[in-house]
Amino acid sequence: MKIVVLDGFALNPGDLSWSSLEVLGDVTVYDRTSRDEVIERAKEADIILINKIHFKKEQFEQLPRLKYIGVLATGYNIVDVEEARRHGIVVTNVPTYGTQAVAQFVFAHLLEICHHIPLHAQSVKEGKWNRREDFCYWEKPLIELSEKVMGIIGAGRIGMETAKIANAFGMRVIVFTPRPDLSRETPMLKFVSFDTLVKDSDVISLHCPLTPETRGIINAEAISKMKPGVIIINTSRGPLIDEVSLLEGLKSGRIYAAGLDVLAKEPPSEHNPLFDQENCNVTPHIAWAPHESRKRLLDTAVENVKMYLNGEPINQVNGG
């Protein structure tokens, strides 16, 4: 069984082992594969594992041996799953590996916005505290989260884990999802309409998949309804936010600050204007990437392959 990993570096830059995959077949791992190299590298493969490489009809037609695609992520929009099904190709994803890591990262961004730890730590190193007449000082306003309203868009695993952490900070949580499960409501968590969420939230965190309906869900109209001084966190998918409208909101002050781990274009262009905004922190799509969560991802991806080879595929996203 020929197994090819086409872009394995992001998952495993060298601190994990492919050995559990190697017992399942003849494995070749490439750190990165360009679009022009895909067919040549995958032409003998029965199974391929990919992270960000796109597979559409033209690739399937050139790879008649291919029987299985394992996406090394939760989101699988890089694969035309219906076209894969028509070609008899099983497609799987890894649905649950990063729940805790991503929810934790939401609050890494949020707490930095609230407290500006690197700024204050650097000011101490520069001697500002030594020279103060008072016992304390702050360079920017500090924000307490207790009693604030956290609005969460999306009620999947990560969204609900984020809600749990928000509740632990004493925040009241409101959630928008097209199909709310009212049995999950508590005195500190309520399901609401999208309009109510954008109007009532002090903090908005995005945790929904990218679909035609959610693309640009945070746009000029939504921002115009938000509380002045709202904070926006996005650790989900960049295109959920219209970046032009976000920039205008940051400049006008309607949006107090944004913490973004994802952008509409990744890697971004050198001159993305969001980088010039002091009230916008951008990190390089790393919420998912602690060693622990990447190991869970790899373990699940290998289990997906093993179960497929046993004739009992799991985490298949194009069944039927």
C-alpha atoms as a PDB file:
ATOM      1  CA  MET A   1       0.000   0.000   0.000  1.00  0.00           C
ATOM      2  CA  LYS A   2       1.616   3.254  -1.149  1.00  0.00           C
ATOM      3  CA  ILE A   3       0.992   6.168   1.236  1.00  0.00           C
ATOM      4  CA  VAL A   4       2.182   9.698   0.404  1.00  0.00           C
ATOM      5  CA  VAL A   5       2.107  12.680   2.736  1.00  0.00           C
ATOM      6  CA  LEU A   6       2.260  15.715   0.460  1.00  0.00           C
ATOM      7  CA  ASP A   7       2.654  18.575   2.952  1.00  0.00           C
ATOM      8  CA  GLY A   8       3.609  17.213   6.343  1.00  0.00           C
ATOM      9  CA  PHE A   9       5.831  19.968   7.739  1.00  0.00           C
ATOM     10  CA  ALA A  10       3.161  22.090   9.438  1.00  0.00           C
ATOM     11  CA  LEU A  11       1.892  19.068  11.368  1.00  0.00           C
ATOM     12  CA  ASN A  12       5.307  17.552  12.002  1.00  0.00           C
ATOM     13  CA  PRO A  13       8.328  19.838  11.648  1.00  0.00           C
ATOM     14  CA  GLY A  14      10.422  17.146  13.310  1.00  0.00           C
ATOM     15  CA  ASP A  15       9.101  16.841  16.853  1.00  0.00           C
ATOM     16  CA  LEU A  16       6.673  13.993  16.095  1.00  0.00           C
ATOM     17  CA  SER A  17       7.161  10.549  14.542  1.00  0.00           C
ATOM     18  CA  TRP A  18       5.612   9.092  11.392  1.00  0.00           C
ATOM     19  CA  SER A  19       6.442   5.566  12.613  1.00  0.00           C
ATOM     20  CA  SER A  20       2.822   4.625  13.406  1.00  0.00           C
ATOM     21  CA  LEU A  21       1.903   5.448   9.798  1.00  0.00           C
ATOM     22  CA  GLU A  22       4.896   3.618   8.373  1.00  0.00           C
ATOM     23  CA  VAL A  23       3.688   0.257   9.726  1.00  0.00           C
ATOM     24  CA  LEU A  24       0.593   0.580   7.525  1.00  0.00           C
ATOM     25  CA  GLY A  25       2.357   0.762   4.177  1.00  0.00           C
ATOM     26  CA  ASP A  26       5.166   2.153   2.054  1.00  0.00           C
ATOM     27  CA  VAL A  27       5.256   5.783   3.249  1.00  0.00           C
ATOM     28  CA  THR A  28       6.829   8.800   1.566  1.00  0.00           C
ATOM     29  CA  VAL A  29       6.671  12.134   3.381  1.00  0.00           C
ATOM     30  CA  TYR A  30       7.199  15.493   1.711  1.00  0.00           C
ATOM     31  CA  ASP A  31       7.456  18.620   3.836  1.00  0.00           C
ATOM     32  CA  ARG A  32       5.850  20.712   1.102  1.00  0.00           C
ATOM     33  CA  THR A  33       4.522  20.107  -2.401  1.00  0.00           C
ATOM     34  CA  SER A  34       3.864  22.780  -4.998  1.00  0.00           C
ATOM     35  CA  ARG A  35       0.805  22.659  -7.225  1.00  0.00           C
ATOM     36  CA  ASP A  36       2.962  21.577 -10.170  1.00  0.00           C
ATOM     37  CA  GLU A  37       4.460  18.685  -8.185  1.00  0.00           C
ATOM     38  CA  VAL A  38       1.222  17.121  -6.901  1.00  0.00           C
ATOM     39  CA  ILE A  39       0.503  14.697  -9.749  1.00  0.00           C
ATOM     40  CA  GLU A  40       4.077  13.458 -10.096  1.00  0.00           C
ATOM     41  CA  ARG A  41       4.426  12.812  -6.364  1.00  0.00           C
ATOM     42  CA  ALA A  42       0.981  11.248  -5.938  1.00  0.00           C
ATOM     43  CA  LYS A  43       0.729   9.217  -9.146  1.00  0.00           C
ATOM     44  CA  GLU A  44       1.671   5.889  -7.503  1.00  0.00           C
ATOM     45  CA  ALA A  45      -0.220   6.554  -4.271  1.00  0.00           C
ATOM     46  CA  ASP A  46      -3.215   4.570  -3.062  1.00  0.00           C
ATOM     47  CA  ILE A  47      -3.514   6.874  -0.053  1.00  0.00           C
ATOM     48  CA  ILE A  48      -2.508  10.511   0.322  1.00  0.00           C
ATOM     49  CA  LEU A  49      -2.498  12.748   3.372  1.00  0.00           C
ATOM     50  CA  ILE A  50      -2.763  16.504   2.846  1.00  0.00           C
ATOM     51  CA  ASN A  51      -3.130  19.646   4.910  1.00  0.00           C
ATOM     52  CA  LYS A  52      -3.615  22.636   2.602  1.00  0.00           C
ATOM     53  CA  ILE A  53      -3.200  21.208  -0.920  1.00  0.00           C
ATOM     54  CA  HIS A  54      -6.348  21.498  -3.030  1.00  0.00           C
ATOM     55  CA  PHE A  55      -7.821  18.454  -4.763  1.00  0.00           C
ATOM     56  CA  LYS A  56     -10.463  18.968  -7.419  1.00  0.00           C
ATOM     57  CA  LYS A  57     -11.807  17.092 -10.436  1.00  0.00           C
ATOM     58  CA  GLU A  58      -8.699  17.545 -12.567  1.00  0.00           C
ATOM     59  CA  GLN A  59      -6.437  15.991  -9.928  1.00  0.00           C
ATOM     60  CA  PHE A  60      -8.750  13.007  -9.450  1.00  0.00           C
ATOM     61  CA  GLU A  61      -8.822  12.328 -13.186  1.00  0.00           C
ATOM     62  CA  GLN A  62      -5.028  12.196 -13.306  1.00  0.00           C
ATOM     63  CA  LEU A  63      -4.671   9.856 -10.320  1.00  0.00           C
ATOM     64  CA  PRO A  64      -6.551   6.646 -11.171  1.00  0.00           C
ATOM     65  CA  ARG A  65      -4.854   4.659  -8.385  1.00  0.00           C
ATOM     66  CA  LEU A  66      -5.975   7.022  -5.649  1.00  0.00           C
ATOM     67  CA  LYS A  67      -8.520   5.545  -3.252  1.00  0.00           C
ATOM     68  CA  TYR A  68      -8.239   7.627  -0.084  1.00  0.00           C
ATOM     69  CA  ILE A  69      -7.511  11.239   0.952  1.00  0.00           C
ATOM     70  CA  GLY A  70      -6.868  11.990   4.608  1.00  0.00           C
ATOM     71  CA  VAL A  71      -7.126  15.683   5.435  1.00  0.00           C
ATOM     72  CA  LEU A  72      -4.757  16.581   8.280  1.00  0.00           C
ATOM     73  CA  ALA A  73      -7.182  19.134   9.679  1.00  0.00           C
ATOM     74  CA  THR A  74     -10.804  19.582  10.698  1.00  0.00           C
ATOM     75  CA  GLY A  75     -11.796  21.776   7.753  1.00  0.00           C
ATOM     76  CA  TYR A  76     -11.888  19.877   4.458  1.00  0.00           C
ATOM     77  CA  ASN A  77     -12.960  22.558   1.952  1.00  0.00           C
ATOM     78  CA  ILE A  78      -9.654  21.985   0.135  1.00  0.00           C
ATOM     79  CA  VAL A  79     -11.171  18.791  -1.308  1.00  0.00           C
ATOM     80  CA  ASP A  80     -14.133  18.600  -3.677  1.00  0.00           C
ATOM     81  CA  VAL A  81     -15.736  15.847  -1.621  1.00  0.00           C
ATOM     82  CA  GLU A  82     -18.585  15.130  -4.024  1.00  0.00           C
ATOM     83  CA  GLU A  83     -16.204  14.765  -6.950  1.00  0.00           C
ATOM     84  CA  ALA A  84     -14.066  12.477  -4.798  1.00  0.00           C
ATOM     85  CA  ARG A  85     -17.121  10.351  -4.051  1.00  0.00           C
ATOM     86  CA  ARG A  86     -17.896  10.084  -7.769  1.00  0.00           C
ATOM     87  CA  HIS A  87     -14.373   8.761  -8.279  1.00  0.00           C
ATOM     88  CA  GLY A  88     -14.778   6.252  -5.455  1.00  0.00           C
ATOM     89  CA  ILE A  89     -12.328   8.070  -3.209  1.00  0.00           C
ATOM     90  CA  VAL A  90     -12.902   8.111   0.551  1.00  0.00           C
ATOM     91  CA  VAL A  91     -12.165  11.466   2.220  1.00  0.00           C
ATOM     92  CA  THR A  92     -11.642  11.764   5.980  1.00  0.00           C
ATOM     93  CA  ASN A  93     -10.830  14.600   8.351  1.00  0.00           C
ATOM     94  CA  VAL A  94      -9.698  14.958  11.974  1.00  0.00           C
ATOM     95  CA  PRO A  95     -12.612  16.568  13.799  1.00  0.00           C
ATOM     96  CA  THR A  96     -11.636  16.955  17.440  1.00  0.00           C
ATOM     97  CA  TYR A  97      -7.897  17.279  17.970  1.00  0.00           C
ATOM     98  CA  GLY A  98      -7.609  21.022  18.712  1.00  0.00           C
ATOM     99  CA  THR A  99     -10.638  21.862  20.836  1.00  0.00           C
ATOM    100  CA  GLN A 100      -8.792  22.795  24.021  1.00  0.00           C
ATOM    101  CA  ALA A 101      -5.839  24.395  22.231  1.00  0.00           C
ATOM    102  CA  VAL A 102      -7.942  26.724  20.094  1.00  0.00           C
ATOM    103  CA  ALA A 103     -10.261  27.736  22.934  1.00  0.00           C
ATOM    104  CA  GLN A 104      -7.205  28.482  25.070  1.00  0.00           C
ATOM    105  CA  PHE A 105      -5.762  30.607  22.266  1.00  0.00           C
ATOM    106  CA  VAL A 106      -8.939  32.706  22.132  1.00  0.00           C
ATOM    107  CA  PHE A 107      -8.143  33.823  25.653  1.00  0.00           C
ATOM    108  CA  ALA A 108      -4.465  34.294  24.899  1.00  0.00           C
ATOM    109  CA  HIS A 109      -5.554  36.963  22.406  1.00  0.00           C
ATOM    110  CA  LEU A 110      -8.280  38.327  24.645  1.00  0.00           C
ATOM    111  CA  LEU A 111      -6.105  38.615  27.746  1.00  0.00           C
ATOM    112  CA  GLU A 112      -3.367  40.352  25.769  1.00  0.00           C
ATOM    113  CA  ILE A 113      -5.933  42.930  24.621  1.00  0.00           C
ATOM    114  CA  CYS A 114      -7.130  43.343  28.206  1.00  0.00           C
ATOM    115  CA  HIS A 115      -3.727  43.596  29.899  1.00  0.00           C
ATOM    116  CA  HIS A 116      -0.943  44.283  27.329  1.00  0.00           C
ATOM    117  CA  ILE A 117       1.545  42.049  29.150  1.00  0.00           C
ATOM    118  CA  PRO A 118       4.503  42.365  26.701  1.00  0.00           C
ATOM    119  CA  LEU A 119       4.088  46.160  26.582  1.00  0.00           C
ATOM    120  CA  HIS A 120       4.168  46.511  30.351  1.00  0.00           C
ATOM    121  CA  ALA A 121       6.918  43.940  30.830  1.00  0.00           C
ATOM    122  CA  GLN A 122       9.082  45.754  28.280  1.00  0.00           C
ATOM    123  CA  SER A 123       8.435  49.106  29.940  1.00  0.00           C
ATOM    124  CA  VAL A 124       9.723  47.670  33.225  1.00  0.00           C
ATOM    125  CA  LYS A 125      12.858  46.383  31.500  1.00  0.00           C
ATOM    126  CA  GLU A 126      13.370  49.877  30.061  1.00  0.00           C
ATOM    127  CA  GLY A 127      13.417  51.339  33.566  1.00  0.00           C
ATOM    128  CA  LYS A 128      10.062  53.101  33.644  1.00  0.00           C
ATOM    129  CA  TRP A 129       9.035  51.473  36.929  1.00  0.00           C
ATOM    130  CA  ASN A 130      12.310  52.404  38.597  1.00  0.00           C
ATOM    131  CA  ARG A 131      11.677  56.059  37.813  1.00  0.00           C
ATOM    132  CA  ARG A 132       8.048  56.228  38.990  1.00  0.00           C
ATOM    133  CA  GLU A 133       7.041  58.137  42.080  1.00  0.00           C
ATOM    134  CA  ASP A 134       4.031  55.791  42.500  1.00  0.00           C
ATOM    135  CA  PHE A 135       4.106  52.073  43.255  1.00  0.00           C
ATOM    136  CA  CYS A 136       2.353  51.223  39.948  1.00  0.00           C
ATOM    137  CA  TYR A 137       1.469  52.559  36.511  1.00  0.00           C
ATOM    138  CA  TRP A 138      -0.159  51.376  33.297  1.00  0.00           C
ATOM    139  CA  GLU A 139       0.603  52.313  29.719  1.00  0.00           C
ATOM    140  CA  LYS A 140      -2.850  51.446  28.326  1.00  0.00           C
ATOM    141  CA  PRO A 141      -6.286  50.895  29.871  1.00  0.00           C
ATOM    142  CA  LEU A 142      -6.812  47.531  31.582  1.00  0.00           C
ATOM    143  CA  ILE A 143     -10.054  45.577  31.185  1.00  0.00           C
ATOM    144  CA  GLU A 144     -11.797  43.179  33.575  1.00  0.00           C
ATOM    145  CA  LEU A 145     -13.751  40.379  31.877  1.00  0.00           C
ATOM    146  CA  SER A 146     -16.140  39.519  34.701  1.00  0.00           C
ATOM    147  CA  GLU A 147     -19.733  40.566  33.903  1.00  0.00           C
ATOM    148  CA  LYS A 148     -18.867  41.218  30.239  1.00  0.00           C
ATOM    149  CA  VAL A 149     -20.903  39.510  27.498  1.00  0.00           C
ATOM    150  CA  MET A 150     -19.069  37.029  25.287  1.00  0.00           C
ATOM    151  CA  GLY A 151     -20.825  36.460  21.976  1.00  0.00           C
ATOM    152  CA  ILE A 152     -19.868  33.203  20.263  1.00  0.00           C
ATOM    153  CA  ILE A 153     -20.724  32.552  16.624  1.00  0.00           C
ATOM    154  CA  GLY A 154     -20.915  28.787  16.217  1.00  0.00           C
ATOM    155  CA  ALA A 155     -21.881  26.092  18.723  1.00  0.00           C
ATOM    156  CA  GLY A 156     -19.498  23.295  17.817  1.00  0.00           C
ATOM    157  CA  ARG A 157     -16.932  21.749  20.129  1.00  0.00           C
ATOM    158  CA  ILE A 158     -14.545  24.712  20.099  1.00  0.00           C
ATOM    159  CA  GLY A 159     -17.300  27.281  20.468  1.00  0.00           C
ATOM    160  CA  MET A 160     -18.749  25.509  23.479  1.00  0.00           C
ATOM    161  CA  GLU A 161     -15.317  24.987  25.058  1.00  0.00           C
ATOM    162  CA  THR A 162     -14.721  28.725  24.625  1.00  0.00           C
ATOM    163  CA  ALA A 163     -18.072  29.356  26.314  1.00  0.00           C
ATOM    164  CA  LYS A 164     -17.020  27.198  29.270  1.00  0.00           C
ATOM    165  CA  ILE A 165     -13.813  29.195  29.747  1.00  0.00           C
ATOM    166  CA  ALA A 166     -15.705  32.486  29.375  1.00  0.00           C
ATOM    167  CA  ASN A 167     -18.116  31.385  32.106  1.00  0.00           C
ATOM    168  CA  ALA A 168     -15.135  30.582  34.338  1.00  0.00           C
ATOM    169  CA  PHE A 169     -14.028  34.215  33.940  1.00  0.00           C
ATOM    170  CA  GLY A 170     -17.484  35.322  35.071  1.00  0.00           C
ATOM    171  CA  MET A 171     -18.613  36.298  31.582  1.00  0.00           C
ATOM    172  CA  ARG A 172     -22.177  35.834  30.423  1.00  0.00           C
ATOM    173  CA  VAL A 173     -22.239  33.941  27.118  1.00  0.00           C
ATOM    174  CA  ILE A 174     -24.617  34.327  24.211  1.00  0.00           C
ATOM    175  CA  VAL A 175     -24.360  32.014  21.216  1.00  0.00           C
ATOM    176  CA  PHE A 176     -25.609  32.240  17.647  1.00  0.00           C
ATOM    177  CA  THR A 177     -26.012  29.077  15.606  1.00  0.00           C
ATOM    178  CA  PRO A 178     -28.591  28.250  12.913  1.00  0.00           C
ATOM    179  CA  ARG A 179     -29.751  25.151  14.847  1.00  0.00           C
ATOM    180  CA  PRO A 180     -29.548  25.888  18.568  1.00  0.00           C
ATOM    181  CA  ASP A 181     -29.810  23.094  21.103  1.00  0.00           C
ATOM    182  CA  LEU A 182     -31.849  24.805  23.810  1.00  0.00           C
ATOM    183  CA  SER A 183     -31.186  21.959  26.237  1.00  0.00           C
ATOM    184  CA  ARG A 184     -27.639  23.328  26.579  1.00  0.00           C
ATOM    185  CA  GLU A 185     -28.806  26.687  27.908  1.00  0.00           C
ATOM    186  CA  THR A 186     -27.878  27.698  31.453  1.00  0.00           C
ATOM    187  CA  PRO A 187     -28.321  30.903  33.439  1.00  0.00           C
ATOM    188  CA  MET A 188     -24.910  31.950  32.049  1.00  0.00           C
ATOM    189  CA  LEU A 189     -25.374  30.725  28.451  1.00  0.00           C
ATOM    190  CA  LYS A 190     -28.222  31.575  26.093  1.00  0.00           C
ATOM    191  CA  PHE A 191     -28.821  31.050  22.385  1.00  0.00           C
ATOM    192  CA  VAL A 192     -29.772  34.231  20.539  1.00  0.00           C
ATOM    193  CA  SER A 193     -30.275  35.592  17.032  1.00  0.00           C
ATOM    194  CA  PHE A 194     -27.317  36.946  15.082  1.00  0.00           C
ATOM    195  CA  ASP A 195     -28.612  40.509  15.391  1.00  0.00           C
ATOM    196  CA  THR A 196     -28.937  40.163  19.158  1.00  0.00           C
ATOM    197  CA  LEU A 197     -25.429  38.765  19.405  1.00  0.00           C
ATOM    198  CA  VAL A 198     -23.751  41.599  17.499  1.00  0.00           C
ATOM    199  CA  LYS A 199     -25.768  44.226  19.396  1.00  0.00           C
ATOM    200  CA  ASP A 200     -25.242  42.879  22.928  1.00  0.00           C
ATOM    201  CA  SER A 201     -21.712  41.438  22.938  1.00  0.00           C
ATOM    202  CA  ASP A 202     -18.694  43.066  24.517  1.00  0.00           C
ATOM    203  CA  VAL A 203     -16.490  40.392  22.952  1.00  0.00           C
ATOM    204  CA  ILE A 204     -17.274  38.408  19.791  1.00  0.00           C
ATOM    205  CA  SER A 205     -15.421  35.150  19.062  1.00  0.00           C
ATOM    206  CA  LEU A 206     -15.901  33.278  15.789  1.00  0.00           C
ATOM    207  CA  HIS A 207     -16.149  29.472  15.771  1.00  0.00           C
ATOM    208  CA  CYS A 208     -18.188  28.545  12.699  1.00  0.00           C
ATOM    209  CA  PRO A 209     -17.169  26.780   9.478  1.00  0.00           C
ATOM    210  CA  LEU A 210     -16.575  28.764   6.310  1.00  0.00           C
ATOM    211  CA  THR A 211     -19.608  28.334   4.041  1.00  0.00           C
ATOM    212  CA  PRO A 212     -21.313  30.581   1.484  1.00  0.00           C
ATOM    213  CA  GLU A 213     -23.637  31.687   4.295  1.00  0.00           C
ATOM    214  CA  THR A 214     -20.866  32.529   6.776  1.00  0.00           C
ATOM    215  CA  ARG A 215     -18.348  34.103   4.406  1.00  0.00           C
ATOM    216  CA  GLY A 216     -18.105  37.767   5.445  1.00  0.00           C
ATOM    217  CA  ILE A 217     -20.555  37.272   8.321  1.00  0.00           C
ATOM    218  CA  ILE A 218     -18.684  40.066  10.095  1.00  0.00           C
ATOM    219  CA  ASN A 219     -19.136  42.875   7.606  1.00  0.00           C
ATOM    220  CA  ALA A 220     -19.892  46.596   7.588  1.00  0.00           C
ATOM    221  CA  GLU A 221     -23.577  46.055   8.385  1.00  0.00           C
ATOM    222  CA  ALA A 222     -22.837  43.759  11.328  1.00  0.00           C
ATOM    223  CA  ILE A 223     -20.143  46.084  12.669  1.00  0.00           C
ATOM    224  CA  SER A 224     -22.501  49.058  12.478  1.00  0.00           C
ATOM    225  CA  LYS A 225     -24.822  47.284  14.948  1.00  0.00           C
ATOM    226  CA  MET A 226     -22.097  46.418  17.459  1.00  0.00           C
ATOM    227  CA  LYS A 227     -21.468  48.172  20.756  1.00  0.00           C
ATOM    228  CA  PRO A 228     -18.830  50.880  20.485  1.00  0.00           C
ATOM    229  CA  GLY A 229     -15.664  49.370  21.918  1.00  0.00           C
ATOM    230  CA  VAL A 230     -16.385  45.746  21.006  1.00  0.00           C
ATOM    231  CA  ILE A 231     -13.494  43.268  20.851  1.00  0.00           C
ATOM    232  CA  ILE A 232     -13.399  40.718  18.000  1.00  0.00           C
ATOM    233  CA  ILE A 233     -11.438  37.447  18.131  1.00  0.00           C
ATOM    234  CA  ASN A 234     -11.108  35.113  15.132  1.00  0.00           C
ATOM    235  CA  THR A 235      -9.362  31.747  15.459  1.00  0.00           C
ATOM    236  CA  SER A 236     -11.607  30.010  12.911  1.00  0.00           C
ATOM    237  CA  ARG A 237     -11.372  31.013   9.233  1.00  0.00           C
ATOM    238  CA  GLY A 238     -10.122  34.329   7.876  1.00  0.00           C
ATOM    239  CA  PRO A 239     -12.836  34.934   5.267  1.00  0.00           C
ATOM    240  CA  LEU A 240     -15.517  34.963   7.981  1.00  0.00           C
ATOM    241  CA  ILE A 241     -14.516  38.627   8.387  1.00  0.00           C
ATOM    242  CA  ASP A 242     -14.615  41.280   5.690  1.00  0.00           C
ATOM    243  CA  GLU A 243     -11.173  42.735   6.386  1.00  0.00           C
ATOM    244  CA  VAL A 244     -11.911  46.111   4.767  1.00  0.00           C
ATOM    245  CA  SER A 245     -14.857  46.616   7.110  1.00  0.00           C
ATOM    246  CA  LEU A 246     -12.817  45.376  10.069  1.00  0.00           C
ATOM    247  CA  LEU A 247     -10.076  47.877   9.283  1.00  0.00           C
ATOM    248  CA  GLU A 248     -12.574  50.721   9.110  1.00  0.00           C
ATOM    249  CA  GLY A 249     -14.082  49.652  12.440  1.00  0.00           C
ATOM    250  CA  LEU A 250     -10.651  49.529  14.081  1.00  0.00           C
ATOM    251  CA  LYS A 251      -9.729  52.954  12.751  1.00  0.00           C
ATOM    252  CA  SER A 252     -13.024  54.537  13.805  1.00  0.00           C
ATOM    253  CA  GLY A 253     -12.866  53.073  17.320  1.00  0.00           C
ATOM    254  CA  ARG A 254     -16.187  51.239  17.076  1.00  0.00           C
ATOM    255  CA  ILE A 255     -14.028  48.121  17.370  1.00  0.00           C
ATOM    256  CA  TYR A 256     -11.728  48.549  20.370  1.00  0.00           C
ATOM    257  CA  ALA A 257      -9.376  45.785  19.284  1.00  0.00           C
ATOM    258  CA  ALA A 258      -9.133  42.590  17.264  1.00  0.00           C
ATOM    259  CA  GLY A 259      -7.157  39.406  17.835  1.00  0.00           C
ATOM    260  CA  LEU A 260      -6.753  37.405  14.641  1.00  0.00           C
ATOM    261  CA  ASP A 261      -5.071  34.037  14.191  1.00  0.00           C
ATOM    262  CA  VAL A 262      -6.392  33.695  10.642  1.00  0.00           C
ATOM    263  CA  LEU A 263      -6.615  35.974   7.623  1.00  0.00           C
ATOM    264  CA  ALA A 264      -8.481  35.892   4.328  1.00  0.00           C
ATOM    265  CA  LYS A 265      -5.198  35.234   2.493  1.00  0.00           C
ATOM    266  CA  GLU A 266      -2.573  32.966   4.040  1.00  0.00           C
ATOM    267  CA  PRO A 267       0.326  33.572   3.972  1.00  0.00           C
ATOM    268  CA  PRO A 268      -0.690  37.241   3.811  1.00  0.00           C
ATOM    269  CA  SER A 269       0.595  39.900   1.482  1.00  0.00           C
ATOM    270  CA  GLU A 270       3.461  41.973   2.844  1.00  0.00           C
ATOM    271  CA  HIS A 271       1.397  45.137   3.031  1.00  0.00           C
ATOM    272  CA  ASN A 272      -1.809  43.967   4.689  1.00  0.00           C
ATOM    273  CA  PRO A 273      -3.089  47.215   6.245  1.00  0.00           C
ATOM    274  CA  LEU A 274      -4.238  45.387   9.383  1.00  0.00           C
ATOM    275  CA  PHE A 275      -0.555  45.040  10.323  1.00  0.00           C
ATOM    276  CA  ASP A 276      -0.336  48.831  10.715  1.00  0.00           C
ATOM    277  CA  GLN A 277      -3.143  48.938  13.290  1.00  0.00           C
ATOM    278  CA  GLU A 278      -1.896  49.144  16.859  1.00  0.00           C
ATOM    279  CA  ASN A 279      -5.226  47.755  18.081  1.00  0.00           C
ATOM    280  CA  CYS A 280      -5.034  44.630  15.893  1.00  0.00           C
ATOM    281  CA  ASN A 281      -2.900  41.648  16.922  1.00  0.00           C
ATOM    282  CA  VAL A 282      -2.289  39.049  14.211  1.00  0.00           C
ATOM    283  CA  THR A 283      -0.710  35.653  14.880  1.00  0.00           C
ATOM    284  CA  PRO A 284       0.309  33.166  12.140  1.00  0.00           C
ATOM    285  CA  HIS A 285      -2.509  30.557  12.314  1.00  0.00           C
ATOM    286  CA  ILE A 286      -1.054  28.762  15.343  1.00  0.00           C
ATOM    287  CA  ALA A 287      -4.024  28.249  17.670  1.00  0.00           C
ATOM    288  CA  TRP A 288      -4.114  24.572  16.626  1.00  0.00           C
ATOM    289  CA  ALA A 289      -0.386  23.962  16.937  1.00  0.00           C
ATOM    290  CA  PRO A 290       0.654  22.990  20.498  1.00  0.00           C
ATOM    291  CA  HIS A 291       2.630  19.741  20.514  1.00  0.00           C
ATOM    292  CA  GLU A 292      -0.179  17.970  22.374  1.00  0.00           C
ATOM    293  CA  SER A 293      -2.862  18.834  19.835  1.00  0.00           C
ATOM    294  CA  ARG A 294      -0.645  18.039  16.840  1.00  0.00           C
ATOM    295  CA  LYS A 295       0.087  14.619  18.327  1.00  0.00           C
ATOM    296  CA  ARG A 296      -3.659  14.013  18.726  1.00  0.00           C
ATOM    297  CA  LEU A 297      -4.114  15.060  15.103  1.00  0.00           C
ATOM    298  CA  LEU A 298      -1.442  12.662  13.849  1.00  0.00           C
ATOM    299  CA  ASP A 299      -2.734   9.808  16.006  1.00  0.00           C
ATOM    300  CA  THR A 300      -6.270  10.300  14.672  1.00  0.00           C
ATOM    301  CA  ALA A 301      -5.089  10.601  11.074  1.00  0.00           C
ATOM    302  CA  VAL A 302      -3.242   7.296  11.411  1.00  0.00           C
ATOM    303  CA  GLU A 303      -6.273   5.665  13.025  1.00  0.00           C
ATOM    304  CA  ASN A 304      -8.392   6.936  10.114  1.00  0.00           C
ATOM    305  CA  VAL A 305      -6.054   5.193   7.657  1.00  0.00           C
ATOM    306  CA  LYS A 306      -5.979   2.010   9.736  1.00  0.00           C
ATOM    307  CA  MET A 307      -9.763   1.801   9.925  1.00  0.00           C
ATOM    308  CA  TYR A 308     -10.069   2.469   6.182  1.00  0.00           C
ATOM    309  CA  LEU A 309      -7.667  -0.392   5.470  1.00  0.00           C
ATOM    310  CA  ASN A 310      -9.787  -2.577   7.770  1.00  0.00           C
ATOM    311  CA  GLY A 311     -12.857  -1.766   5.680  1.00  0.00           C
ATOM    312  CA  GLU A 312     -14.480   0.307   8.432  1.00  0.00           C
ATOM    313  CA  PRO A 313     -13.691   3.952   7.616  1.00  0.00           C
ATOM    314  CA  ILE A 314     -14.248   6.537  10.341  1.00  0.00           C
ATOM    315  CA  ASN A 315     -14.448  10.335  10.165  1.00  0.00           C
ATOM    316  CA  GLN A 316     -15.476  10.062   6.531  1.00  0.00           C
ATOM    317  CA  VAL A 317     -16.857  13.342   5.194  1.00  0.00           C
ATOM    318  CA  ASN A 318     -18.168  12.105   1.829  1.00  0.00           C
ATOM    319  CA  GLY A 319     -20.020   8.921   2.706  1.00  0.00           C
ATOM    320  CA  GLY A 320     -22.900   7.585   0.638  1.00  0.00           C
END
